[in-house]
Amino acid sequence: MPLRLTTAAPDFASAFTALVDARREADEDVSRDVAAILKRVRSEGDTALADFTRRFDRHDLDASGWAVEPAECRAALETIPTKLRDALELAAARIAAYHEKQKPQDSDGIDAAGVRLGARWRPVDAAGLYVPGGRAAYPSSLLMNVIPARVAGVGRIAMVTPTPGGTINPMVLAAARIAGIEEIWRVGGAQAIAALAYGTGRIRPVDVVTGPGNAWVAEAKRQLYGVVGIDMVAGPSEIVVVADAKNDPDWIAADLLSQSEHDPTSQSILFTDDAAFADAVEKSVEGRLAQLATREVAAASWTANGAIILVRDLEEAMPLVDRLAPEHLELAVDDPDALFAQVRHAGSVFLGRMTPEAVGDYVAGPNHVLPTGRRARFSSGLSVLDFMKRTSFLGLDKGAIEAIGPAAVALAEAEGLPAHAASVALRLS
């Protein structure tokens, strides 16, 4: 049974705080193990990758081949059902169109003091993409990570993916073909992130690493930030649904389960102002779980981390939603914009009764790589900007340095930095 709370209860404040503060990350203390893996890959390169792959993925890279050849991706795209190929191509086109609008513009101008000021945007030289294997083999995530890098103009994109037993999901290969990926390595786990960051004999280093993974992958990205750029340290998936009684409870139940089925540590929360509707949704969740192929995972998530919160009115829910800062937020009401105007912290918001979060995972266009674990308070979803960097520039002539230079000299002297002061003052004289 999920947690049931009501804002009318005298202990609601403390109970809700406990819900907000609860940790759902995997319990394993992986930091030390990951540090050892990173150290070994840095010192031993390909030898370490081959050893870890034999140990964790149960196959020999020298036998299966280190890289996936482009012909394998072409064959996969040709052999998957036409319906799936069309779906992948539709998704790719929509993702590209949305992200094209994110490309930043260079700036260059002269201000009132005569100083030339501007900024120039350029893509990173190389990006690395991690694609999970095993249970979480998601071609949609491949598209969501690769296409923004392509739009940004990244010249080289290297993909790594674990291939347990030497096998790889054909849908992943098909998506790689559609996205134009030609450099694919059969390595996974923390060791693959280390290879992208440090480089090995075969794999050249990259500048930015993106893509979802398990606790070891997330920890490797965290430890390697600074050696390379990363998209984010992702945690368990989450959804918050704000819904009134005009909704079909089966629809809302399906929306909640769409996140619960990801992982036992995922979280699904419903806010509603109608107790009978809350009961109907909970009953529908139980009924749908019985028929769900992923029921073991979804039931564990719903029981351990799910919550139904009864509020006096939906306006009361909005500051509570902000405290959760959810990865996904559905506003299943007649006037979603009225509630959306009150939202400050959310990864992505889905407006209206006909906008399930799941459509955003695949074909809507906005990126589905989003901040989790309340990180939407200070970060955003993956975008073109994650694969670009901004260089500022300025230029002064004699009049400009005479206009602003004396202030720079004064501040340098106040900070006790005479060489700074002199470098400006000499030009003033």
Protein backbone atom coordinates (compact mmCIF):
# COMPACT_ATOMS: atom_id res chain seq x y z
CA MET A 1 0.00 0.00 0.00
CA PRO A 2 1.30 3.49 -0.79
CA LEU A 3 1.63 6.22 1.77
CA ARG A 4 -1.64 8.14 2.36
CA LEU A 5 -1.44 11.70 3.66
CA THR A 6 -3.93 14.52 4.10
CA THR A 7 -3.10 18.16 4.63
CA ALA A 8 -5.90 18.33 7.20
CA ALA A 9 -4.05 15.98 9.56
CA PRO A 10 -2.24 17.64 12.49
CA ASP A 11 0.99 15.73 11.74
CA PHE A 12 0.96 16.44 8.00
CA ALA A 13 3.89 18.87 8.06
CA SER A 14 6.28 16.39 9.64
CA ALA A 15 5.02 13.47 7.56
CA PHE A 16 5.41 15.41 4.31
CA THR A 17 8.89 16.58 5.29
CA ALA A 18 9.87 12.96 5.86
CA LEU A 19 8.57 12.12 2.37
CA VAL A 20 10.54 14.96 0.78
CA ASP A 21 13.74 14.08 2.62
CA ALA A 22 13.59 10.32 2.11
CA ARG A 23 16.55 8.91 0.18
CA ARG A 24 15.69 6.54 -2.67
CA GLU A 25 19.12 6.07 -4.16
CA ALA A 26 20.47 2.54 -4.17
CA ASP A 27 21.70 1.40 -0.78
CA GLU A 28 25.02 0.08 -2.05
CA ASP A 29 28.04 1.97 -0.92
CA VAL A 30 29.62 2.07 -4.36
CA SER A 31 31.97 5.04 -4.00
CA ARG A 32 35.05 3.03 -2.99
CA ASP A 33 34.49 0.35 -5.64
CA VAL A 34 34.02 2.95 -8.36
CA ALA A 35 37.16 4.82 -7.32
CA ALA A 36 39.15 1.59 -7.65
CA ILE A 37 37.69 0.90 -11.10
CA LEU A 38 38.51 4.40 -12.31
CA LYS A 39 42.06 4.18 -11.01
CA ARG A 40 42.65 0.86 -12.73
CA VAL A 41 41.25 1.99 -16.09
CA ARG A 42 43.38 5.11 -15.95
CA SER A 43 46.55 3.10 -15.35
CA GLU A 44 45.84 -0.07 -17.36
CA GLY A 45 43.58 1.15 -20.15
CA ASP A 46 42.27 -1.56 -22.47
CA THR A 47 43.59 -4.36 -20.27
CA ALA A 48 41.35 -3.21 -17.44
CA LEU A 49 38.36 -2.79 -19.78
CA ALA A 50 38.74 -6.33 -21.08
CA ASP A 51 39.03 -7.76 -17.57
CA PHE A 52 36.00 -5.88 -16.23
CA THR A 53 33.94 -6.89 -19.28
CA ARG A 54 34.76 -10.58 -18.75
CA ARG A 55 33.85 -10.25 -15.09
CA PHE A 56 30.65 -8.21 -15.29
CA ASP A 57 29.28 -8.81 -18.80
CA ARG A 58 30.51 -12.39 -19.26
CA HIS A 59 32.12 -12.09 -22.65
CA ASP A 60 35.54 -11.66 -24.22
CA LEU A 61 36.02 -8.42 -26.11
CA ASP A 62 38.80 -9.88 -28.21
CA ALA A 63 36.45 -12.64 -29.32
CA SER A 64 33.27 -10.60 -29.82
CA GLY A 65 34.97 -7.50 -31.11
CA TRP A 66 35.54 -4.27 -29.21
CA ALA A 67 33.49 -2.11 -31.54
CA VAL A 68 30.10 -2.48 -33.15
CA GLU A 69 30.53 -2.14 -36.89
CA PRO A 70 28.28 0.26 -38.83
CA ALA A 71 27.03 -2.69 -40.88
CA GLU A 72 25.46 -4.17 -37.73
CA CYS A 73 23.49 -0.97 -37.17
CA ARG A 74 22.35 -0.87 -40.79
CA ALA A 75 21.21 -4.48 -40.58
CA ALA A 76 19.34 -3.85 -37.34
CA LEU A 77 17.47 -0.88 -38.84
CA GLU A 78 16.51 -2.95 -41.87
CA THR A 79 15.27 -5.92 -39.85
CA ILE A 80 13.19 -4.26 -37.12
CA PRO A 81 9.44 -3.98 -37.84
CA THR A 82 8.47 -1.06 -40.07
CA LYS A 83 6.18 0.28 -37.35
CA LEU A 84 9.11 0.57 -34.93
CA ARG A 85 11.40 2.07 -37.56
CA ASP A 86 8.79 4.71 -38.36
CA ALA A 87 8.35 5.46 -34.64
CA LEU A 88 12.09 5.94 -34.14
CA GLU A 89 12.32 8.20 -37.18
CA LEU A 90 9.34 10.28 -36.02
CA ALA A 91 10.88 10.63 -32.58
CA ALA A 92 14.25 11.64 -34.03
CA ALA A 93 12.69 14.27 -36.27
CA ARG A 94 10.64 15.81 -33.47
CA ILE A 95 13.55 15.80 -31.01
CA ALA A 96 15.77 17.50 -33.58
CA ALA A 97 13.16 20.15 -34.40
CA TYR A 98 12.66 21.01 -30.73
CA HIS A 99 16.38 21.21 -29.96
CA GLU A 100 17.18 23.31 -33.03
CA LYS A 101 15.31 26.12 -31.29
CA GLN A 102 17.72 25.94 -28.33
CA LYS A 103 20.82 26.93 -30.30
CA PRO A 104 22.24 30.10 -28.74
CA GLN A 105 23.18 33.19 -30.71
CA ASP A 106 26.57 34.86 -30.64
CA SER A 107 26.62 38.48 -29.47
CA ASP A 108 28.91 41.36 -30.37
CA GLY A 109 28.37 45.04 -29.63
CA ILE A 110 29.81 48.29 -28.30
CA ASP A 111 28.44 49.80 -25.10
CA ALA A 112 28.08 53.43 -24.05
CA ALA A 113 31.68 53.57 -22.77
CA GLY A 114 32.98 52.44 -26.16
CA VAL A 115 33.90 48.93 -24.96
CA ARG A 116 33.36 46.08 -27.38
CA LEU A 117 31.68 43.19 -25.56
CA GLY A 118 30.38 39.87 -26.75
CA ALA A 119 30.16 36.12 -26.48
CA ARG A 120 30.86 33.34 -28.94
CA TRP A 121 29.36 29.83 -28.69
CA ARG A 122 31.18 26.74 -29.92
CA PRO A 123 30.49 23.00 -29.54
CA VAL A 124 32.80 20.73 -27.61
CA ASP A 125 35.10 18.65 -29.81
CA ALA A 126 33.89 15.23 -28.62
CA ALA A 127 31.01 13.82 -26.59
CA GLY A 128 30.58 10.39 -25.03
CA LEU A 129 27.19 8.71 -24.70
CA TYR A 130 26.42 5.93 -22.23
CA VAL A 131 23.55 3.65 -23.26
CA PRO A 132 22.42 1.12 -20.63
CA GLY A 133 22.15 -2.56 -21.39
CA GLY A 134 20.28 -5.40 -19.74
CA ARG A 135 16.95 -4.41 -18.19
CA ALA A 136 17.29 -0.75 -19.16
CA ALA A 137 18.00 -0.85 -22.90
CA TYR A 138 16.31 2.32 -24.12
CA PRO A 139 16.70 3.44 -27.75
CA SER A 140 14.68 6.54 -26.86
CA SER A 141 17.42 7.66 -24.45
CA LEU A 142 20.00 7.21 -27.19
CA LEU A 143 18.07 9.64 -29.40
CA MET A 144 17.55 12.10 -26.55
CA ASN A 145 21.30 12.23 -25.86
CA VAL A 146 22.74 12.09 -29.36
CA ILE A 147 20.45 14.50 -31.19
CA PRO A 148 21.18 17.57 -29.01
CA ALA A 149 24.90 16.90 -29.51
CA ARG A 150 24.37 16.69 -33.24
CA VAL A 151 22.36 19.92 -33.25
CA ALA A 152 25.12 21.61 -31.24
CA GLY A 153 27.62 20.64 -33.94
CA VAL A 154 29.77 18.17 -31.97
CA GLY A 155 32.22 16.62 -34.39
CA ARG A 156 32.79 13.25 -32.71
CA ILE A 157 30.27 11.23 -30.69
CA ALA A 158 31.43 7.99 -29.08
CA MET A 159 28.86 5.58 -27.68
CA VAL A 160 29.54 2.93 -25.03
CA THR A 161 27.08 0.22 -24.05
CA PRO A 162 27.34 -3.01 -22.07
CA THR A 163 26.59 -6.18 -24.04
CA PRO A 164 25.83 -8.90 -21.49
CA GLY A 165 26.81 -12.23 -22.94
CA GLY A 166 27.98 -10.41 -26.05
CA THR A 167 24.45 -9.45 -27.18
CA ILE A 168 23.04 -6.01 -27.86
CA ASN A 169 19.45 -4.82 -28.28
CA PRO A 170 18.69 -4.43 -32.03
CA MET A 171 16.46 -1.42 -31.30
CA VAL A 172 19.47 0.33 -29.78
CA LEU A 173 21.50 -0.41 -32.89
CA ALA A 174 18.68 0.81 -35.11
CA ALA A 175 18.41 4.04 -33.13
CA ALA A 176 22.18 4.48 -33.40
CA ARG A 177 21.91 4.19 -37.16
CA ILE A 178 19.12 6.78 -37.33
CA ALA A 179 21.13 9.12 -35.09
CA GLY A 180 24.24 8.67 -37.23
CA ILE A 181 26.46 7.07 -34.59
CA GLU A 182 29.42 5.23 -36.09
CA GLU A 183 31.68 4.82 -33.04
CA ILE A 184 30.17 2.26 -30.66
CA TRP A 185 32.15 0.33 -28.04
CA ARG A 186 30.98 -2.87 -26.30
CA VAL A 187 31.88 -1.74 -22.79
CA GLY A 188 29.69 -0.63 -19.92
CA GLY A 189 29.64 0.24 -16.24
CA ALA A 190 31.90 2.65 -14.38
CA GLN A 191 34.82 1.37 -16.47
CA ALA A 192 33.20 2.68 -19.65
CA ILE A 193 32.79 6.15 -18.14
CA ALA A 194 36.46 6.05 -17.13
CA ALA A 195 37.45 5.08 -20.67
CA LEU A 196 35.56 8.04 -22.10
CA ALA A 197 37.08 10.43 -19.58
CA TYR A 198 40.70 9.27 -19.59
CA GLY A 199 40.98 7.50 -22.91
CA THR A 200 42.54 4.08 -23.43
CA GLY A 201 44.59 2.50 -26.19
CA ARG A 202 41.51 2.06 -28.35
CA ILE A 203 39.07 4.69 -27.06
CA ARG A 204 40.02 8.33 -27.37
CA PRO A 205 38.91 10.66 -24.55
CA VAL A 206 35.93 12.99 -24.89
CA ASP A 207 35.00 16.36 -23.40
CA VAL A 208 31.46 15.67 -22.16
CA VAL A 209 29.79 12.43 -21.00
CA THR A 210 26.01 12.06 -20.93
CA GLY A 211 23.50 9.26 -20.61
CA PRO A 212 21.69 7.29 -17.88
CA GLY A 213 23.03 4.30 -16.00
CA ASN A 214 22.96 2.40 -12.72
CA ALA A 215 24.39 3.54 -9.39
CA TRP A 216 27.95 2.69 -10.47
CA VAL A 217 27.65 4.69 -13.68
CA ALA A 218 26.17 7.67 -11.83
CA GLU A 219 28.93 7.54 -9.22
CA ALA A 220 31.61 7.32 -11.91
CA LYS A 221 30.22 10.43 -13.58
CA ARG A 222 30.17 12.23 -10.25
CA GLN A 223 33.79 11.34 -9.49
CA LEU A 224 34.99 12.23 -12.98
CA TYR A 225 33.28 15.61 -13.19
CA GLY A 226 36.08 18.08 -13.77
CA VAL A 227 38.03 15.62 -15.87
CA VAL A 228 35.07 15.75 -18.25
CA GLY A 229 31.80 17.60 -18.27
CA ILE A 230 28.67 15.60 -17.43
CA ASP A 231 24.97 16.09 -17.98
CA MET A 232 23.91 15.32 -14.39
CA VAL A 233 24.09 12.70 -11.66
CA ALA A 234 20.78 10.98 -12.20
CA GLY A 235 18.83 9.19 -9.49
CA PRO A 236 15.63 7.12 -9.51
CA SER A 237 12.83 8.30 -11.77
CA GLU A 238 9.83 10.15 -10.33
CA ILE A 239 6.44 11.57 -11.27
CA VAL A 240 4.00 13.84 -9.48
CA VAL A 241 0.42 14.04 -10.77
CA VAL A 242 -1.98 16.81 -9.73
CA ALA A 243 -5.47 15.66 -10.69
CA ASP A 244 -9.10 16.46 -9.91
CA ALA A 245 -12.05 14.08 -9.88
CA LYS A 246 -12.98 14.86 -13.50
CA ASN A 247 -10.19 12.53 -14.63
CA ASP A 248 -10.62 8.86 -15.45
CA PRO A 249 -8.95 7.11 -12.49
CA ASP A 250 -7.61 4.42 -14.85
CA TRP A 251 -5.71 7.06 -16.83
CA ILE A 252 -4.12 8.50 -13.71
CA ALA A 253 -3.29 5.03 -12.38
CA ALA A 254 -1.52 4.21 -15.64
CA ASP A 255 0.42 7.49 -15.44
CA LEU A 256 1.62 6.68 -11.93
CA LEU A 257 2.67 3.18 -12.93
CA SER A 258 4.55 4.50 -15.96
CA GLN A 259 7.27 5.61 -13.57
CA SER A 260 6.90 2.88 -10.96
CA GLU A 261 7.81 0.24 -13.52
CA HIS A 262 11.24 1.78 -14.14
CA ASP A 263 12.88 0.60 -10.94
CA PRO A 264 11.97 -0.40 -7.36
CA THR A 265 13.42 2.94 -6.20
CA SER A 266 11.23 5.03 -8.54
CA GLN A 267 8.52 7.22 -7.03
CA SER A 268 4.96 8.12 -8.06
CA ILE A 269 2.89 10.66 -6.12
CA LEU A 270 -0.72 11.80 -6.63
CA PHE A 271 -2.16 15.06 -5.29
CA THR A 272 -5.94 15.33 -5.45
CA ASP A 273 -8.70 17.25 -3.72
CA ASP A 274 -11.23 14.40 -3.83
CA ALA A 275 -11.03 11.47 -1.41
CA ALA A 276 -13.31 9.21 -3.48
CA PHE A 277 -11.18 9.84 -6.56
CA ALA A 278 -8.03 9.01 -4.56
CA ASP A 279 -9.61 5.70 -3.55
CA ALA A 280 -10.59 4.97 -7.16
CA VAL A 281 -7.05 5.63 -8.41
CA GLU A 282 -5.54 3.42 -5.74
CA LYS A 283 -7.97 0.62 -6.62
CA SER A 284 -7.15 1.01 -10.31
CA VAL A 285 -3.41 0.85 -9.61
CA GLU A 286 -3.89 -2.45 -7.80
CA GLY A 287 -5.96 -3.82 -10.66
CA ARG A 288 -3.50 -2.72 -13.32
CA LEU A 289 -0.56 -4.11 -11.36
CA ALA A 290 -2.08 -7.58 -11.52
CA GLN A 291 -1.97 -7.45 -15.33
CA LEU A 292 1.34 -5.65 -15.76
CA ALA A 293 4.31 -7.54 -17.18
CA THR A 294 6.56 -5.32 -15.05
CA ARG A 295 4.41 -5.78 -11.94
CA GLU A 296 7.22 -7.08 -9.70
CA VAL A 297 9.25 -3.89 -10.11
CA ALA A 298 6.23 -1.57 -10.27
CA ALA A 299 4.61 -3.04 -7.17
CA ALA A 300 7.82 -2.76 -5.17
CA SER A 301 8.16 0.89 -6.18
CA TRP A 302 4.50 1.77 -5.54
CA THR A 303 4.47 0.06 -2.14
CA ALA A 304 7.76 1.46 -0.89
CA ASN A 305 7.76 4.94 -2.45
CA GLY A 306 4.29 5.73 -3.77
CA ALA A 307 2.08 8.33 -2.11
CA ILE A 308 -1.44 9.73 -2.39
CA ILE A 309 -1.89 13.16 -0.83
CA LEU A 310 -5.33 14.64 -0.23
CA VAL A 311 -5.42 18.45 -0.30
CA ARG A 312 -8.24 20.89 0.48
CA ASP A 313 -7.95 22.33 -3.01
CA LEU A 314 -5.42 22.00 -5.82
CA GLU A 315 -3.98 25.45 -5.15
CA GLU A 316 -2.80 24.04 -1.82
CA ALA A 317 -0.87 21.35 -3.66
CA MET A 318 1.39 23.69 -5.61
CA PRO A 319 3.85 24.79 -2.88
CA LEU A 320 4.09 21.13 -1.85
CA VAL A 321 4.91 20.17 -5.42
CA ASP A 322 7.67 22.80 -5.44
CA ARG A 323 9.19 21.25 -2.34
CA LEU A 324 9.38 17.91 -4.16
CA ALA A 325 10.82 19.58 -7.31
CA PRO A 326 9.80 16.52 -9.34
CA GLU A 327 11.44 15.19 -12.45
CA HIS A 328 8.02 14.92 -14.15
CA LEU A 329 4.89 16.87 -13.21
CA GLU A 330 1.45 16.26 -14.72
CA LEU A 331 -1.28 18.87 -14.26
CA ALA A 332 -4.41 16.93 -15.19
CA VAL A 333 -6.98 19.70 -14.77
CA ASP A 334 -9.23 21.90 -16.94
CA ASP A 335 -6.94 24.94 -16.70
CA PRO A 336 -3.39 23.61 -16.33
CA ASP A 337 -1.80 26.97 -17.14
CA ALA A 338 -3.25 28.49 -13.97
CA LEU A 339 -1.41 25.90 -11.88
CA PHE A 340 1.66 25.92 -14.14
CA ALA A 341 2.09 29.63 -13.43
CA GLN A 342 2.70 28.71 -9.79
CA VAL A 343 5.34 26.04 -10.51
CA ARG A 344 8.93 27.05 -9.79
CA HIS A 345 10.71 23.71 -9.61
CA ALA A 346 10.09 20.82 -12.02
CA GLY A 347 12.11 19.04 -14.69
CA SER A 348 9.31 18.89 -17.25
CA VAL A 349 5.60 19.73 -16.97
CA PHE A 350 2.76 17.99 -18.84
CA LEU A 351 -0.29 20.19 -19.30
CA GLY A 352 -3.85 18.90 -19.36
CA ARG A 353 -5.68 15.60 -19.19
CA MET A 354 -4.56 14.43 -22.63
CA THR A 355 -0.82 14.84 -21.98
CA PRO A 356 0.59 11.74 -20.28
CA GLU A 357 4.23 11.89 -19.22
CA ALA A 358 4.98 8.82 -21.32
CA VAL A 359 4.49 10.73 -24.57
CA GLY A 360 7.35 12.97 -23.47
CA ASP A 361 9.59 9.94 -23.06
CA TYR A 362 9.39 9.19 -26.75
CA VAL A 363 8.00 11.48 -29.43
CA ALA A 364 6.96 14.89 -28.09
CA GLY A 365 10.33 16.59 -28.64
CA PRO A 366 11.54 18.04 -25.30
CA ASN A 367 14.34 16.05 -23.71
CA HIS A 368 13.48 13.27 -21.29
CA VAL A 369 16.88 13.41 -19.55
CA LEU A 370 15.77 15.40 -16.52
CA PRO A 371 16.96 16.26 -12.99
CA THR A 372 15.82 13.87 -10.26
CA GLY A 373 16.08 13.80 -6.47
CA ARG A 374 14.88 17.44 -6.04
CA ARG A 375 17.69 18.67 -8.29
CA ALA A 376 15.15 20.56 -10.41
CA ARG A 377 15.57 23.27 -7.77
CA PHE A 378 18.89 24.21 -9.39
CA SER A 379 19.29 22.33 -12.68
CA SER A 380 17.55 21.67 -15.97
CA GLY A 381 17.06 18.84 -18.41
CA LEU A 382 19.61 17.92 -21.07
CA SER A 383 19.83 20.46 -23.88
CA VAL A 384 21.97 21.67 -26.75
CA LEU A 385 23.79 23.92 -24.26
CA ASP A 386 25.23 20.87 -22.48
CA PHE A 387 27.34 20.24 -25.58
CA MET A 388 28.45 23.84 -26.07
CA LYS A 389 30.58 26.38 -24.22
CA ARG A 390 30.57 30.15 -24.30
CA THR A 391 33.68 32.27 -24.73
CA SER A 392 33.31 35.91 -23.78
CA PHE A 393 35.41 38.59 -25.44
CA LEU A 394 36.03 42.31 -25.09
CA GLY A 395 38.02 44.97 -26.88
CA LEU A 396 38.99 48.49 -25.76
CA ASP A 397 40.41 51.43 -27.63
CA LYS A 398 42.07 54.48 -26.05
CA GLY A 399 38.79 56.18 -25.28
CA ALA A 400 37.25 53.08 -23.74
CA ILE A 401 40.15 52.35 -21.38
CA GLU A 402 40.20 55.99 -20.31
CA ALA A 403 36.48 55.70 -19.52
CA ILE A 404 36.58 52.60 -17.33
CA GLY A 405 40.28 52.06 -16.54
CA PRO A 406 40.56 54.38 -13.49
CA ALA A 407 37.87 52.36 -11.71
CA ALA A 408 39.76 49.15 -12.42
CA VAL A 409 42.95 50.69 -11.00
CA ALA A 410 41.13 51.76 -7.85
CA LEU A 411 39.68 48.31 -7.27
CA ALA A 412 43.00 46.56 -7.93
CA GLU A 413 44.77 48.80 -5.42
CA ALA A 414 42.00 48.20 -2.86
CA GLU A 415 42.47 44.45 -3.28
CA GLY A 416 46.22 44.72 -2.78
CA LEU A 417 47.14 43.66 -6.32
CA PRO A 418 49.60 46.27 -7.62
CA ALA A 419 50.52 44.39 -10.81
CA HIS A 420 46.85 44.37 -11.78
CA ALA A 421 46.69 48.11 -11.17
CA ALA A 422 49.85 48.76 -13.14
CA SER A 423 48.72 46.78 -16.20
CA VAL A 424 45.82 49.20 -16.54
CA ALA A 425 47.45 52.38 -15.28
CA LEU A 426 50.34 52.15 -17.74
CA ARG A 427 47.87 52.32 -20.60
CA LEU A 428 46.17 55.35 -19.06
CA SER A 429 49.43 57.32 -18.97
